Amino acid sequence: MKTRTLFATALTALSLSASLGAFAQSTDTTLYRYGLDLDIAQVISIEVPNSPQCEVVTAKMTYRNSAGEVEALNYEQLSSVCANQN
């Protein structure tokens, strides 16, 4: 009985992992440009790369639009190190 439960749990975890991988691959990333009309209903995540120096980095925002579809947007910003410099 324990083996059957363990197998079912492992199978569920594997299928969930495959679903999340497909979800992550399904969003096309748009590059932000000035004047772009954005439809953002809910921000899901914002990923900003770490940088040891003050420079422009490309951040990625994943969000849900008003129709409920998940979209991703790349945009440029200054790294967080720049805020600490005089």
PDB file of N, CA and C in Angstrom:
ATOM      1  N   MET A   1       0.825  -1.194   0.000  1.00  0.00           N
ATOM      2  CA  MET A   1       0.000   0.000   0.000  1.00  0.00           C
ATOM      3  C   MET A   1       0.868   1.257   0.000  1.00  0.00           C
ATOM      4  N   LYS A   2       1.967   1.253   0.788  1.00  0.00           N
ATOM      5  CA  LYS A   2       2.845   2.398   0.851  1.00  0.00           C
ATOM      6  C   LYS A   2       3.511   2.660  -0.489  1.00  0.00           C
ATOM      7  N   THR A   3       3.892   1.616  -1.186  1.00  0.00           N
ATOM      8  CA  THR A   3       4.546   1.750  -2.487  1.00  0.00           C
ATOM      9  C   THR A   3       3.595   2.386  -3.497  1.00  0.00           C
ATOM     10  N   ARG A   4       2.344   1.999  -3.451  1.00  0.00           N
ATOM     11  CA  ARG A   4       1.345   2.543  -4.372  1.00  0.00           C
ATOM     12  C   ARG A   4       1.146   4.042  -4.126  1.00  0.00           C
ATOM     13  N   THR A   5       1.087   4.458  -2.865  1.00  0.00           N
ATOM     14  CA  THR A   5       0.932   5.872  -2.516  1.00  0.00           C
ATOM     15  C   THR A   5       2.154   6.667  -2.946  1.00  0.00           C
ATOM     16  N   LEU A   6       3.328   6.121  -2.707  1.00  0.00           N
ATOM     17  CA  LEU A   6       4.561   6.783  -3.109  1.00  0.00           C
ATOM     18  C   LEU A   6       4.630   6.949  -4.626  1.00  0.00           C
ATOM     19  N   PHE A   7       4.252   5.913  -5.362  1.00  0.00           N
ATOM     20  CA  PHE A   7       4.247   5.970  -6.823  1.00  0.00           C
ATOM     21  C   PHE A   7       3.254   7.019  -7.325  1.00  0.00           C
ATOM     22  N   ALA A   8       2.080   7.069  -6.737  1.00  0.00           N
ATOM     23  CA  ALA A   8       1.068   8.050  -7.141  1.00  0.00           C
ATOM     24  C   ALA A   8       1.539   9.475  -6.856  1.00  0.00           C
ATOM     25  N   THR A   9       2.198   9.673  -5.728  1.00  0.00           N
ATOM     26  CA  THR A   9       2.720  10.996  -5.385  1.00  0.00           C
ATOM     27  C   THR A   9       3.811  11.420  -6.363  1.00  0.00           C
ATOM     28  N   ALA A  10       4.702  10.500  -6.683  1.00  0.00           N
ATOM     29  CA  ALA A  10       5.787  10.803  -7.627  1.00  0.00           C
ATOM     30  C   ALA A  10       5.228  11.116  -9.012  1.00  0.00           C
ATOM     31  N   LEU A  11       4.241  10.378  -9.443  1.00  0.00           N
ATOM     32  CA  LEU A  11       3.622  10.612 -10.749  1.00  0.00           C
ATOM     33  C   LEU A  11       2.925  11.966 -10.790  1.00  0.00           C
ATOM     34  N   THR A  12       2.253  12.327  -9.712  1.00  0.00           N
ATOM     35  CA  THR A  12       1.589  13.632  -9.632  1.00  0.00           C
ATOM     36  C   THR A  12       2.608  14.760  -9.683  1.00  0.00           C
ATOM     37  N   ALA A  13       3.700  14.609  -8.944  1.00  0.00           N
ATOM     38  CA  ALA A  13       4.744  15.635  -8.942  1.00  0.00           C
ATOM     39  C   ALA A  13       5.372  15.789 -10.318  1.00  0.00           C
ATOM     40  N   LEU A  14       5.596  14.683 -11.002  1.00  0.00           N
ATOM     41  CA  LEU A  14       6.176  14.725 -12.343  1.00  0.00           C
ATOM     42  C   LEU A  14       5.250  15.418 -13.333  1.00  0.00           C
ATOM     43  N   SER A  15       3.968  15.113 -13.278  1.00  0.00           N
ATOM     44  CA  SER A  15       3.028  15.756 -14.206  1.00  0.00           C
ATOM     45  C   SER A  15       2.870  17.235 -13.892  1.00  0.00           C
ATOM     46  N   LEU A  16       2.903  17.610 -12.620  1.00  0.00           N
ATOM     47  CA  LEU A  16       2.827  19.024 -12.249  1.00  0.00           C
ATOM     48  C   LEU A  16       4.053  19.768 -12.742  1.00  0.00           C
ATOM     49  N   SER A  17       5.205  19.148 -12.618  1.00  0.00           N
ATOM     50  CA  SER A  17       6.447  19.764 -13.098  1.00  0.00           C
ATOM     51  C   SER A  17       6.397  19.982 -14.603  1.00  0.00           C
ATOM     52  N   ALA A  18       5.887  19.011 -15.348  1.00  0.00           N
ATOM     53  CA  ALA A  18       5.770  19.141 -16.803  1.00  0.00           C
ATOM     54  C   ALA A  18       4.791  20.250 -17.169  1.00  0.00           C
ATOM     55  N   SER A  19       3.701  20.369 -16.408  1.00  0.00           N
ATOM     56  CA  SER A  19       2.714  21.417 -16.674  1.00  0.00           C
ATOM     57  C   SER A  19       3.300  22.796 -16.435  1.00  0.00           C
ATOM     58  N   LEU A  20       4.059  22.952 -15.342  1.00  0.00           N
ATOM     59  CA  LEU A  20       4.668  24.246 -15.047  1.00  0.00           C
ATOM     60  C   LEU A  20       5.724  24.598 -16.083  1.00  0.00           C
ATOM     61  N   GLY A  21       6.452  23.611 -16.579  1.00  0.00           N
ATOM     62  CA  GLY A  21       7.441  23.857 -17.628  1.00  0.00           C
ATOM     63  C   GLY A  21       6.775  24.332 -18.906  1.00  0.00           C
ATOM     64  N   ALA A  22       5.658  23.731 -19.261  1.00  0.00           N
ATOM     65  CA  ALA A  22       4.919  24.152 -20.449  1.00  0.00           C
ATOM     66  C   ALA A  22       4.344  25.546 -20.256  1.00  0.00           C
ATOM     67  N   PHE A  23       3.895  25.860 -19.030  1.00  0.00           N
ATOM     68  CA  PHE A  23       3.362  27.189 -18.726  1.00  0.00           C
ATOM     69  C   PHE A  23       4.447  28.239 -18.895  1.00  0.00           C
ATOM     70  N   ALA A  24       5.635  27.959 -18.390  1.00  0.00           N
ATOM     71  CA  ALA A  24       6.734  28.921 -18.485  1.00  0.00           C
ATOM     72  C   ALA A  24       7.150  29.147 -19.933  1.00  0.00           C
ATOM     73  N   GLN A  25       7.066  28.127 -20.777  1.00  0.00           N
ATOM     74  CA  GLN A  25       7.451  28.234 -22.168  1.00  0.00           C
ATOM     75  C   GLN A  25       6.370  28.907 -23.017  1.00  0.00           C
ATOM     76  N   SER A  26       5.117  28.932 -22.509  1.00  0.00           N
ATOM     77  CA  SER A  26       4.003  29.383 -23.334  1.00  0.00           C
ATOM     78  C   SER A  26       3.907  30.904 -23.469  1.00  0.00           C
ATOM     79  N   THR A  27       4.579  31.649 -22.625  1.00  0.00           N
ATOM     80  CA  THR A  27       4.472  33.094 -22.698  1.00  0.00           C
ATOM     81  C   THR A  27       5.517  33.672 -23.644  1.00  0.00           C
ATOM     82  N   ASP A  28       5.073  34.458 -24.592  1.00  0.00           N
ATOM     83  CA  ASP A  28       5.979  35.157 -25.490  1.00  0.00           C
ATOM     84  C   ASP A  28       6.356  36.478 -24.826  1.00  0.00           C
ATOM     85  N   THR A  29       7.625  36.804 -24.865  1.00  0.00           N
ATOM     86  CA  THR A  29       8.096  38.020 -24.218  1.00  0.00           C
ATOM     87  C   THR A  29       8.118  39.170 -25.213  1.00  0.00           C
ATOM     88  N   THR A  30       7.514  40.288 -24.821  1.00  0.00           N
ATOM     89  CA  THR A  30       7.482  41.502 -25.630  1.00  0.00           C
ATOM     90  C   THR A  30       8.530  42.460 -25.095  1.00  0.00           C
ATOM     91  N   LEU A  31       9.223  43.146 -25.963  1.00  0.00           N
ATOM     92  CA  LEU A  31      10.185  44.161 -25.554  1.00  0.00           C
ATOM     93  C   LEU A  31       9.458  45.496 -25.448  1.00  0.00           C
ATOM     94  N   TYR A  32       9.537  46.137 -24.272  1.00  0.00           N
ATOM     95  CA  TYR A  32       8.846  47.403 -24.060  1.00  0.00           C
ATOM     96  C   TYR A  32       9.485  48.505 -24.904  1.00  0.00           C
ATOM     97  N   ARG A  33       8.641  49.337 -25.474  1.00  0.00           N
ATOM     98  CA  ARG A  33       9.097  50.541 -26.171  1.00  0.00           C
ATOM     99  C   ARG A  33       8.177  51.680 -25.731  1.00  0.00           C
ATOM    100  N   TYR A  34       8.696  52.879 -25.774  1.00  0.00           N
ATOM    101  CA  TYR A  34       7.950  54.045 -25.318  1.00  0.00           C
ATOM    102  C   TYR A  34       6.624  54.156 -26.065  1.00  0.00           C
ATOM    103  N   GLY A  35       5.538  54.368 -25.334  1.00  0.00           N
ATOM    104  CA  GLY A  35       4.222  54.534 -25.928  1.00  0.00           C
ATOM    105  C   GLY A  35       3.460  53.232 -26.116  1.00  0.00           C
ATOM    106  N   LEU A  36       4.047  52.096 -25.736  1.00  0.00           N
ATOM    107  CA  LEU A  36       3.380  50.798 -25.867  1.00  0.00           C
ATOM    108  C   LEU A  36       2.149  50.766 -24.970  1.00  0.00           C
ATOM    109  N   ASP A  37       1.002  50.401 -25.529  1.00  0.00           N
ATOM    110  CA  ASP A  37      -0.246  50.331 -24.773  1.00  0.00           C
ATOM    111  C   ASP A  37      -0.272  49.016 -23.997  1.00  0.00           C
ATOM    112  N   LEU A  38      -0.199  49.103 -22.671  1.00  0.00           N
ATOM    113  CA  LEU A  38      -0.157  47.910 -21.827  1.00  0.00           C
ATOM    114  C   LEU A  38      -1.510  47.653 -21.182  1.00  0.00           C
ATOM    115  N   ASP A  39      -1.877  46.385 -21.077  1.00  0.00           N
ATOM    116  CA  ASP A  39      -3.112  45.953 -20.434  1.00  0.00           C
ATOM    117  C   ASP A  39      -2.717  45.032 -19.281  1.00  0.00           C
ATOM    118  N   ILE A  40      -2.432  45.616 -18.119  1.00  0.00           N
ATOM    119  CA  ILE A  40      -1.961  44.848 -16.973  1.00  0.00           C
ATOM    120  C   ILE A  40      -3.039  44.844 -15.904  1.00  0.00           C
ATOM    121  N   ALA A  41      -3.594  43.663 -15.632  1.00  0.00           N
ATOM    122  CA  ALA A  41      -4.589  43.533 -14.577  1.00  0.00           C
ATOM    123  C   ALA A  41      -3.954  43.060 -13.274  1.00  0.00           C
ATOM    124  N   GLN A  42      -2.929  42.202 -13.386  1.00  0.00           N
ATOM    125  CA  GLN A  42      -2.270  41.672 -12.184  1.00  0.00           C
ATOM    126  C   GLN A  42      -0.825  41.319 -12.519  1.00  0.00           C
ATOM    127  N   VAL A  43       0.098  41.812 -11.733  1.00  0.00           N
ATOM    128  CA  VAL A  43       1.507  41.466 -11.906  1.00  0.00           C
ATOM    129  C   VAL A  43       1.756  40.143 -11.182  1.00  0.00           C
ATOM    130  N   ILE A  44       2.331  39.181 -11.901  1.00  0.00           N
ATOM    131  CA  ILE A  44       2.638  37.874 -11.327  1.00  0.00           C
ATOM    132  C   ILE A  44       4.042  37.870 -10.741  1.00  0.00           C
ATOM    133  N   SER A  45       5.022  38.351 -11.511  1.00  0.00           N
ATOM    134  CA  SER A  45       6.397  38.395 -11.004  1.00  0.00           C
ATOM    135  C   SER A  45       7.215  39.428 -11.770  1.00  0.00           C
ATOM    136  N   ILE A  46       8.274  39.885 -11.114  1.00  0.00           N
ATOM    137  CA  ILE A  46       9.252  40.770 -11.750  1.00  0.00           C
ATOM    138  C   ILE A  46      10.626  40.189 -11.451  1.00  0.00           C
ATOM    139  N   GLU A  47      11.386  39.920 -12.501  1.00  0.00           N
ATOM    140  CA  GLU A  47      12.719  39.348 -12.361  1.00  0.00           C
ATOM    141  C   GLU A  47      13.745  40.377 -12.821  1.00  0.00           C
ATOM    142  N   VAL A  48      14.647  40.762 -11.905  1.00  0.00           N
ATOM    143  CA  VAL A  48      15.696  41.726 -12.215  1.00  0.00           C
ATOM    144  C   VAL A  48      17.034  41.034 -11.954  1.00  0.00           C
ATOM    145  N   PRO A  49      17.899  40.959 -12.970  1.00  0.00           N
ATOM    146  CA  PRO A  49      19.189  40.290 -12.760  1.00  0.00           C
ATOM    147  C   PRO A  49      20.086  41.084 -11.810  1.00  0.00           C
ATOM    148  N   ASN A  50      20.858  40.359 -11.013  1.00  0.00           N
ATOM    149  CA  ASN A  50      21.822  41.008 -10.112  1.00  0.00           C
ATOM    150  C   ASN A  50      23.014  41.480 -10.920  1.00  0.00           C
ATOM    151  N   SER A  51      23.538  42.621 -10.544  1.00  0.00           N
ATOM    152  CA  SER A  51      24.707  43.164 -11.217  1.00  0.00           C
ATOM    153  C   SER A  51      25.621  43.774 -10.162  1.00  0.00           C
ATOM    154  N   PRO A  52      26.927  43.526 -10.241  1.00  0.00           N
ATOM    155  CA  PRO A  52      27.843  44.070  -9.251  1.00  0.00           C
ATOM    156  C   PRO A  52      28.183  45.544  -9.478  1.00  0.00           C
ATOM    157  N   GLN A  53      27.791  46.086 -10.616  1.00  0.00           N
ATOM    158  CA  GLN A  53      28.107  47.478 -10.920  1.00  0.00           C
ATOM    159  C   GLN A  53      26.873  48.220 -11.402  1.00  0.00           C
ATOM    160  N   CYS A  54      26.950  49.536 -11.397  1.00  0.00           N
ATOM    161  CA  CYS A  54      25.844  50.369 -11.860  1.00  0.00           C
ATOM    162  C   CYS A  54      25.797  50.320 -13.382  1.00  0.00           C
ATOM    163  N   GLU A  55      24.735  49.721 -13.913  1.00  0.00           N
ATOM    164  CA  GLU A  55      24.568  49.599 -15.360  1.00  0.00           C
ATOM    165  C   GLU A  55      23.098  49.362 -15.691  1.00  0.00           C
ATOM    166  N   VAL A  56      22.764  49.437 -16.954  1.00  0.00           N
ATOM    167  CA  VAL A  56      21.413  49.147 -17.418  1.00  0.00           C
ATOM    168  C   VAL A  56      21.273  47.636 -17.555  1.00  0.00           C
ATOM    169  N   VAL A  57      20.210  47.074 -16.963  1.00  0.00           N
ATOM    170  CA  VAL A  57      19.938  45.644 -17.047  1.00  0.00           C
ATOM    171  C   VAL A  57      18.548  45.440 -17.649  1.00  0.00           C
ATOM    172  N   THR A  58      18.314  44.260 -18.192  1.00  0.00           N
ATOM    173  CA  THR A  58      17.011  43.928 -18.761  1.00  0.00           C
ATOM    174  C   THR A  58      16.208  43.134 -17.737  1.00  0.00           C
ATOM    175  N   ALA A  59      15.095  43.700 -17.298  1.00  0.00           N
ATOM    176  CA  ALA A  59      14.201  43.056 -16.338  1.00  0.00           C
ATOM    177  C   ALA A  59      13.038  42.424 -17.093  1.00  0.00           C
ATOM    178  N   LYS A  60      12.394  41.447 -16.458  1.00  0.00           N
ATOM    179  CA  LYS A  60      11.257  40.767 -17.081  1.00  0.00           C
ATOM    180  C   LYS A  60      10.075  40.791 -16.121  1.00  0.00           C
ATOM    181  N   MET A  61       8.947  41.294 -16.600  1.00  0.00           N
ATOM    182  CA  MET A  61       7.718  41.308 -15.819  1.00  0.00           C
ATOM    183  C   MET A  61       6.735  40.326 -16.446  1.00  0.00           C
ATOM    184  N   THR A  62       6.220  39.418 -15.630  1.00  0.00           N
ATOM    185  CA  THR A  62       5.174  38.494 -16.068  1.00  0.00           C
ATOM    186  C   THR A  62       3.878  38.968 -15.442  1.00  0.00           C
ATOM    187  N   TYR A  63       2.838  39.074 -16.250  1.00  0.00           N
ATOM    188  CA  TYR A  63       1.580  39.626 -15.750  1.00  0.00           C
ATOM    189  C   TYR A  63       0.387  38.976 -16.431  1.00  0.00           C
ATOM    190  N   ARG A  64      -0.781  39.218 -15.864  1.00  0.00           N
ATOM    191  CA  ARG A  64      -2.048  38.732 -16.425  1.00  0.00           C
ATOM    192  C   ARG A  64      -2.797  39.949 -16.947  1.00  0.00           C
ATOM    193  N   ASN A  65      -3.303  39.867 -18.194  1.00  0.00           N
ATOM    194  CA  ASN A  65      -4.042  40.992 -18.760  1.00  0.00           C
ATOM    195  C   ASN A  65      -5.520  40.913 -18.347  1.00  0.00           C
ATOM    196  N   SER A  66      -6.329  41.864 -18.789  1.00  0.00           N
ATOM    197  CA  SER A  66      -7.738  41.914 -18.375  1.00  0.00           C
ATOM    198  C   SER A  66      -8.555  40.744 -18.912  1.00  0.00           C
ATOM    199  N   ALA A  67      -8.048  40.033 -19.929  1.00  0.00           N
ATOM    200  CA  ALA A  67      -8.729  38.849 -20.451  1.00  0.00           C
ATOM    201  C   ALA A  67      -8.298  37.582 -19.712  1.00  0.00           C
ATOM    202  N   GLY A  68      -7.348  37.719 -18.765  1.00  0.00           N
ATOM    203  CA  GLY A  68      -6.897  36.575 -17.993  1.00  0.00           C
ATOM    204  C   GLY A  68      -5.717  35.831 -18.602  1.00  0.00           C
ATOM    205  N   GLU A  69      -5.184  36.329 -19.710  1.00  0.00           N
ATOM    206  CA  GLU A  69      -4.052  35.678 -20.368  1.00  0.00           C
ATOM    207  C   GLU A  69      -2.751  36.127 -19.722  1.00  0.00           C
ATOM    208  N   VAL A  70      -1.789  35.210 -19.628  1.00  0.00           N
ATOM    209  CA  VAL A  70      -0.481  35.527 -19.055  1.00  0.00           C
ATOM    210  C   VAL A  70       0.433  36.034 -20.162  1.00  0.00           C
ATOM    211  N   GLU A  71       1.075  37.173 -19.901  1.00  0.00           N
ATOM    212  CA  GLU A  71       1.996  37.776 -20.857  1.00  0.00           C
ATOM    213  C   GLU A  71       3.284  38.146 -20.141  1.00  0.00           C
ATOM    214  N   ALA A  72       4.346  38.371 -20.909  1.00  0.00           N
ATOM    215  CA  ALA A  72       5.635  38.762 -20.337  1.00  0.00           C
ATOM    216  C   ALA A  72       6.168  39.960 -21.104  1.00  0.00           C
ATOM    217  N   LEU A  73       6.877  40.815 -20.382  1.00  0.00           N
ATOM    218  CA  LEU A  73       7.395  42.046 -20.958  1.00  0.00           C
ATOM    219  C   LEU A  73       8.820  42.264 -20.468  1.00  0.00           C
ATOM    220  N   ASN A  74       9.746  42.458 -21.387  1.00  0.00           N
ATOM    221  CA  ASN A  74      11.122  42.816 -21.047  1.00  0.00           C
ATOM    222  C   ASN A  74      11.255  44.330 -21.112  1.00  0.00           C
ATOM    223  N   TYR A  75      11.967  44.902 -20.144  1.00  0.00           N
ATOM    224  CA  TYR A  75      12.207  46.338 -20.140  1.00  0.00           C
ATOM    225  C   TYR A  75      13.569  46.599 -19.516  1.00  0.00           C
ATOM    226  N   GLU A  76      14.123  47.766 -19.803  1.00  0.00           N
ATOM    227  CA  GLU A  76      15.432  48.113 -19.280  1.00  0.00           C
ATOM    228  C   GLU A  76      15.298  49.038 -18.076  1.00  0.00           C
ATOM    229  N   GLN A  77      16.184  48.814 -17.090  1.00  0.00           N
ATOM    230  CA  GLN A  77      16.223  49.669 -15.918  1.00  0.00           C
ATOM    231  C   GLN A  77      17.637  49.673 -15.370  1.00  0.00           C
ATOM    232  N   LEU A  78      17.922  50.620 -14.483  1.00  0.00           N
ATOM    233  CA  LEU A  78      19.232  50.668 -13.837  1.00  0.00           C
ATOM    234  C   LEU A  78      19.288  49.580 -12.774  1.00  0.00           C
ATOM    235  N   SER A  79      20.457  48.975 -12.598  1.00  0.00           N
ATOM    236  CA  SER A  79      20.619  47.958 -11.565  1.00  0.00           C
ATOM    237  C   SER A  79      20.463  48.580 -10.187  1.00  0.00           C
ATOM    238  N   SER A  80      20.180  47.758  -9.200  1.00  0.00           N
ATOM    239  CA  SER A  80      19.938  48.250  -7.850  1.00  0.00           C
ATOM    240  C   SER A  80      21.173  48.878  -7.220  1.00  0.00           C
ATOM    241  N   VAL A  81      22.363  48.554  -7.720  1.00  0.00           N
ATOM    242  CA  VAL A  81      23.606  49.131  -7.203  1.00  0.00           C
ATOM    243  C   VAL A  81      23.636  50.644  -7.435  1.00  0.00           C
ATOM    244  N   CYS A  82      22.996  51.100  -8.490  1.00  0.00           N
ATOM    245  CA  CYS A  82      23.015  52.533  -8.837  1.00  0.00           C
ATOM    246  C   CYS A  82      22.363  53.387  -7.757  1.00  0.00           C
ATOM    247  N   ALA A  83      21.390  52.857  -7.038  1.00  0.00           N
ATOM    248  CA  ALA A  83      20.689  53.619  -6.010  1.00  0.00           C
ATOM    249  C   ALA A  83      21.596  53.912  -4.817  1.00  0.00           C
ATOM    250  N   ASN A  84      22.630  53.111  -4.617  1.00  0.00           N
ATOM    251  CA  ASN A  84      23.523  53.272  -3.468  1.00  0.00           C
ATOM    252  C   ASN A  84      24.719  54.181  -3.769  1.00  0.00           C
ATOM    253  N   GLN A  85      24.869  54.590  -5.019  1.00  0.00           N
ATOM    254  CA  GLN A  85      26.012  55.423  -5.389  1.00  0.00           C
ATOM    255  C   GLN A  85      25.637  56.905  -5.350  1.00  0.00           C
ATOM    256  N   ASN A  86      26.620  57.726  -5.073  1.00  0.00           N
ATOM    257  CA  ASN A  86      26.383  59.193  -5.040  1.00  0.00           C
ATOM    258  C   ASN A  86      26.775  59.818  -6.342  1.00  0.00           C
TER     259      ASN A  86
END
